[in-house]
Protein backbone atom coordinates (compact mmCIF):
# COMPACT_ATOMS: atom_id res chain seq x y z
CA MET A 1 100.72 81.66 97.69
CA PRO A 2 104.04 84.34 97.87
CA GLY A 3 107.33 81.92 99.66
CA GLN A 4 107.62 81.99 103.18
CA ASN A 5 111.20 82.55 105.02
CA PHE A 6 111.20 79.65 108.41
CA GLY A 7 114.95 80.52 108.85
CA LEU A 8 116.11 77.81 106.84
CA GLU A 9 117.98 77.96 103.47
CA PHE A 10 118.83 75.01 100.98
CA SER A 11 122.55 74.41 100.31
CA PRO A 12 123.30 71.81 97.78
CA LYS A 13 124.99 68.27 99.16
CA ARG A 14 123.85 69.72 102.59
CA GLY A 15 120.09 69.73 102.06
CA PHE A 16 118.72 72.92 103.96
CA ILE A 17 120.29 74.67 106.61
CA GLN A 18 119.46 77.57 109.10
CA CYS A 19 120.18 81.20 107.72
CA GLU A 20 122.44 83.44 109.55
CA ASP A 21 120.96 86.95 108.79
CA PHE A 22 117.58 85.58 109.56
CA ALA A 23 115.56 88.03 111.63
CA PRO A 24 111.79 86.77 112.47
CA THR A 25 108.33 88.26 110.57
CA LYS A 26 106.95 90.40 113.49
CA THR A 27 103.50 91.79 113.47
CA VAL A 28 101.52 94.24 112.86
CA GLU A 29 101.44 95.38 116.91
CA GLU A 30 104.84 94.82 117.54
CA ILE A 31 105.51 96.53 114.65
CA ILE A 32 103.85 100.11 116.37
CA THR A 33 105.01 99.25 119.37
CA ASP A 34 108.85 100.45 118.24
CA ILE A 35 107.78 103.03 116.02
CA LEU A 36 105.88 104.32 119.43
CA GLY A 37 108.64 103.35 121.54
CA ASN A 38 111.37 105.31 118.81
CA HIS A 39 109.02 108.27 118.18
CA PRO A 40 106.26 109.10 121.50
CA HIS A 41 103.83 111.37 120.34
CA ALA A 42 103.72 110.59 116.72
CA ASN A 43 100.59 111.27 115.01
CA GLN A 44 98.52 109.39 112.79
CA SER A 45 99.74 110.13 109.43
CA GLN A 46 103.68 109.64 110.60
CA VAL A 47 102.93 106.59 111.73
CA VAL A 48 101.53 104.62 109.23
CA ASP A 49 104.60 105.81 107.06
CA MET A 50 106.67 104.98 109.45
CA ALA A 51 105.28 101.57 109.14
CA ARG A 52 104.30 101.30 105.71
CA ALA A 53 108.07 101.27 104.82
CA HIS A 54 108.34 98.45 107.60
CA GLY A 55 105.80 96.18 105.71
CA CYS A 56 102.32 96.96 106.40
CA THR A 57 99.62 98.36 104.57
CA LYS A 58 97.99 101.59 105.74
CA ARG A 59 94.70 99.70 106.50
CA GLN A 60 96.71 97.68 108.94
CA ALA A 61 98.77 100.42 110.53
CA GLU A 62 95.35 102.38 110.72
CA GLU A 63 93.33 99.72 112.40
CA CYS A 64 96.39 98.40 114.91
CA LEU A 65 96.02 102.25 116.57
CA LYS A 66 92.78 102.31 116.73
CA LYS A 67 91.68 99.06 118.10
CA GLY A 68 95.74 99.20 119.66
CA PRO A 69 96.60 99.43 123.82
CA TRP A 70 98.30 102.65 123.27
CA ASP A 71 98.02 106.35 125.14
CA ARG A 72 95.80 109.18 122.83
CA ALA A 73 96.17 112.87 123.74
CA ALA A 74 94.91 115.68 121.77
CA GLY A 75 97.51 117.32 119.20
CA PRO A 76 97.56 120.42 116.96
CA LYS A 77 94.94 120.93 114.35
CA ASN A 78 92.16 118.46 115.79
CA SER A 79 94.87 115.29 115.43
CA ILE A 80 96.05 112.77 118.15
CA LEU A 81 99.31 111.84 118.99
CA TYR A 82 100.49 108.45 120.28
CA SER A 83 102.62 106.70 122.57
CA LEU A 84 102.78 104.03 124.83
CA ARG A 85 101.27 102.90 127.68
CA PRO A 86 104.25 103.67 130.59
CA GLU A 87 103.91 99.77 132.01
CA GLU A 88 104.72 99.61 128.56
CA LEU A 89 107.49 101.58 128.52
CA GLU A 90 109.11 98.85 131.11
C-alpha cells in the first residue's frame, strides 16, 4: 500500500511533528465542485482534464459528473455543460 500523508513528518530526536504545508486530501466531488465554481458551464472533457490535473482518474471524474448534484444544460454539438446549482454557490 502506498504511503499516506497525515500532516505529520518525522524529525530525528523530536519524533513526529506537524507539517507546515499540510493540505488535506480532497474527495473527487470536492475537486469537481472547485472546478465548476471556477469554470461554470464547462463541458465534460474540460472538467475531466482539469480533474486529472488534480489527481483524479478519468473514470472517477466521469462517474462524479454523472452522479453528482450539478446543473446540466445542453451545449453546442450535443455536449452537456455542467455548473454548480445556485444553492451551492452561496
